């Protein structure tokens, strides 16, 4: 799979031949929004994809200011069956303070299904996930780190939509004065 750019021709082509664009030729489609607009009719496009078994995975929403101004719309898309994928480097500040803040805002709201590398090169946008996983485990719990970095990505690759879960409320440690 690759970031799917939303335009009329791509949408028509994906509806006709989904395996050409989806991850592992299954049913998950990485969708990248343009920075300058939210396409008109996107709700209908997402509905059509979902009706045909194509699950939109909205990539790096934390790096798109327009999407971050529309958190309720992101939540509605999630409720309809879309997934959200956060970029690992965003969780570490690698895309600057706004993306860092937005990424953790989405994580705190339990609006993440997958954390991915968005790797473009071996240095600046590298494929390593270990540092981000450690930070997610520290801040959101090891169960959520496993969910976002292993279980959900494994289900996406295998095309198993029913197994995908959003983040859970992390378990808080209880302290006892009687130990």
Protein backbone atom coordinates (compact mmCIF):
# COMPACT_ATOMS: atom_id res chain seq x y z
CA UNK A 1 0.00 0.00 0.00
CA UNK A 2 0.90 3.65 -0.33
CA UNK A 3 -0.67 6.96 0.56
CA UNK A 4 -3.76 7.21 -1.62
CA UNK A 5 -4.37 10.76 -2.86
CA UNK A 6 -8.00 11.74 -3.04
CA UNK A 7 -9.03 12.80 -6.51
CA UNK A 8 -11.84 11.68 -8.80
CA UNK A 9 -9.71 9.45 -11.01
CA UNK A 10 -8.06 7.67 -8.07
CA UNK A 11 -11.35 7.10 -6.28
CA UNK A 12 -12.96 5.64 -9.42
CA UNK A 13 -9.93 3.43 -10.04
CA UNK A 14 -9.89 2.20 -6.42
CA UNK A 15 -13.59 1.34 -6.57
CA UNK A 16 -13.04 -0.61 -9.80
CA UNK A 17 -9.82 -2.34 -8.73
CA UNK A 18 -9.26 -2.01 -4.95
CA UNK A 19 -6.33 -4.44 -4.80
CA UNK A 20 -4.30 -2.05 -6.93
CA UNK A 21 -4.19 0.42 -4.02
CA UNK A 22 -4.90 -1.47 -0.80
CA UNK A 23 -2.38 -2.85 1.68
CA UNK A 24 -1.32 -6.36 0.75
CA UNK A 25 -4.07 -6.33 -1.91
CA UNK A 26 -6.63 -6.80 0.87
CA UNK A 27 -9.14 -4.23 2.15
CA UNK A 28 -7.26 -1.40 3.93
CA UNK A 29 -6.56 1.80 1.98
CA UNK A 30 -4.08 4.39 3.27
CA UNK A 31 -5.72 7.78 2.63
CA UNK A 32 -3.72 11.00 2.69
CA UNK A 33 -5.58 14.30 2.81
CA UNK A 34 -4.20 17.36 1.04
CA UNK A 35 -2.98 20.15 3.34
CA UNK A 36 -5.08 22.81 1.65
CA UNK A 37 -8.61 21.37 1.67
CA UNK A 38 -10.92 18.62 2.80
CA UNK A 39 -12.42 17.31 -0.45
CA UNK A 40 -16.11 17.96 -0.88
CA UNK A 41 -18.11 14.78 -0.75
CA UNK A 42 -15.50 12.88 1.26
CA UNK A 43 -18.19 11.47 3.57
CA UNK A 44 -19.85 9.90 0.53
CA UNK A 45 -16.54 8.57 -0.75
CA UNK A 46 -15.76 6.98 2.60
CA UNK A 47 -19.28 5.50 2.76
CA UNK A 48 -18.88 4.02 -0.71
CA UNK A 49 -15.49 2.55 0.17
CA UNK A 50 -16.82 1.06 3.40
CA UNK A 51 -19.92 -0.34 1.64
CA UNK A 52 -17.57 -2.16 -0.74
CA UNK A 53 -15.38 -3.48 2.06
CA UNK A 54 -12.56 -0.98 1.59
CA UNK A 55 -11.49 0.47 4.95
CA UNK A 56 -9.97 3.97 4.75
CA UNK A 57 -6.94 4.40 7.02
CA UNK A 58 -6.40 8.14 7.46
CA UNK A 59 -2.65 8.66 7.51
CA UNK A 60 -0.81 11.21 9.65
CA UNK A 61 -3.84 13.35 10.57
CA UNK A 62 -1.69 15.01 13.26
CA UNK A 63 0.35 16.68 10.51
CA UNK A 64 -2.69 18.16 8.75
CA UNK A 65 -3.94 21.37 10.41
CA UNK A 66 -7.27 21.23 8.58
CA UNK A 67 -8.01 17.78 9.96
CA UNK A 68 -6.91 18.83 13.43
CA UNK A 69 -9.46 21.65 13.30
CA UNK A 70 -12.12 18.99 12.62
CA UNK A 71 -11.70 16.48 15.44
CA UNK A 72 -15.49 15.78 15.58
CA UNK A 73 -15.42 14.90 11.87
CA UNK A 74 -12.45 12.56 12.46
CA UNK A 75 -14.42 10.95 15.29
CA UNK A 76 -17.45 10.46 13.00
CA UNK A 77 -15.26 8.81 10.37
CA UNK A 78 -13.87 6.50 13.05
CA UNK A 79 -17.38 5.64 14.21
CA UNK A 80 -18.32 4.77 10.63
CA UNK A 81 -15.39 2.35 10.35
CA UNK A 82 -12.38 4.38 9.23
CA UNK A 83 -9.05 4.00 11.03
CA UNK A 84 -6.49 6.61 12.09
CA UNK A 85 -2.76 6.08 11.67
CA UNK A 86 -0.34 8.28 13.62
CA UNK A 87 3.26 8.78 12.49
CA UNK A 88 5.86 7.52 14.98
CA UNK A 89 8.16 10.53 14.56
CA UNK A 90 5.26 12.86 15.30
CA UNK A 91 4.98 11.27 18.75
CA UNK A 92 8.64 12.14 19.34
CA UNK A 93 8.56 15.71 17.99
CA UNK A 94 10.23 14.83 14.69
CA UNK A 95 7.70 16.86 12.69
CA UNK A 96 7.76 19.84 15.03
CA UNK A 97 5.77 21.03 18.04
CA UNK A 98 2.34 21.28 16.35
CA UNK A 99 2.45 17.67 15.08
CA UNK A 100 3.75 16.50 18.48
CA UNK A 101 0.88 18.23 20.29
CA UNK A 102 -1.73 16.99 17.82
CA UNK A 103 -0.40 13.41 17.88
CA UNK A 104 -0.68 13.18 21.66
CA UNK A 105 -4.06 14.93 21.59
CA UNK A 106 -5.33 12.16 19.31
CA UNK A 107 -3.70 9.52 21.50
CA UNK A 108 -5.22 11.02 24.66
CA UNK A 109 -8.64 10.99 22.97
CA UNK A 110 -8.14 7.31 22.07
CA UNK A 111 -8.30 8.21 18.37
CA UNK A 112 -5.49 6.00 17.08
CA UNK A 113 -5.51 2.52 15.64
CA UNK A 114 -2.00 2.22 14.22
CA UNK A 115 1.38 3.91 14.61
CA UNK A 116 3.55 3.70 11.49
CA UNK A 117 6.89 5.02 10.31
CA UNK A 118 5.92 6.95 7.15
CA UNK A 119 9.52 6.18 6.19
CA UNK A 120 10.94 8.03 3.22
CA UNK A 121 14.68 7.61 3.86
CA UNK A 122 17.05 5.88 6.30
CA UNK A 123 18.04 9.02 8.23
CA UNK A 124 15.47 11.79 8.73
CA UNK A 125 12.27 9.81 8.08
CA UNK A 126 13.62 6.41 9.04
CA UNK A 127 11.60 3.20 9.45
CA UNK A 128 12.45 2.71 13.15
CA UNK A 129 9.53 2.44 15.54
CA UNK A 130 11.25 1.42 18.79
CA UNK A 131 11.64 4.89 20.32
CA UNK A 132 8.01 5.79 19.64
CA UNK A 133 6.84 2.45 20.99
CA UNK A 134 8.78 3.04 24.21
CA UNK A 135 7.20 6.49 24.59
CA UNK A 136 3.69 5.17 23.91
CA UNK A 137 4.21 2.38 26.46
CA UNK A 138 5.40 4.95 28.99
CA UNK A 139 2.54 7.38 28.44
CA UNK A 140 -0.35 5.15 27.36
CA UNK A 141 0.55 1.72 28.72
CA UNK A 142 2.20 -1.38 27.33
CA UNK A 143 -1.15 -2.83 26.23
CA UNK A 144 -1.79 0.16 23.98
CA UNK A 145 1.77 0.04 22.64
CA UNK A 146 1.25 -3.60 21.69
CA UNK A 147 -2.11 -2.79 20.10
CA UNK A 148 -0.83 0.16 18.04
CA UNK A 149 2.54 -1.27 17.00
CA UNK A 150 1.79 -5.00 16.64
CA UNK A 151 -1.76 -6.31 16.90
CA UNK A 152 -3.61 -3.77 14.76
CA UNK A 153 -0.85 -3.53 12.09
CA UNK A 154 -0.76 -7.34 11.88
CA UNK A 155 -4.55 -7.40 11.39
CA UNK A 156 -4.33 -4.70 8.70
CA UNK A 157 -1.72 -6.64 6.74
CA UNK A 158 -3.84 -9.78 7.00
CA UNK A 159 -7.02 -7.91 6.04
CA UNK A 160 -8.83 -8.74 9.29
CA UNK A 161 -10.94 -5.63 9.96
CA UNK A 162 -12.96 -7.16 12.80
CA UNK A 163 -9.83 -7.51 14.94
CA UNK A 164 -8.86 -3.84 14.80
CA UNK A 165 -9.42 -2.02 18.08
CA UNK A 166 -8.99 1.65 19.06
CA UNK A 167 -6.77 2.52 21.99
CA UNK A 168 -8.03 1.64 25.44
CA UNK A 169 -7.89 3.68 28.60
CA UNK A 170 -4.49 2.81 30.09
CA UNK A 171 -4.54 0.98 33.37
CA UNK A 172 -3.30 3.15 36.21
CA UNK A 173 -0.92 1.74 38.74
CA UNK A 174 -2.33 1.47 42.20
CA UNK A 175 -0.14 2.39 45.09
CA UNK A 176 -0.52 0.75 48.46
CA UNK A 177 0.76 2.10 51.72
CA UNK A 178 0.42 -1.37 53.27
CA UNK A 179 3.09 -3.17 51.25
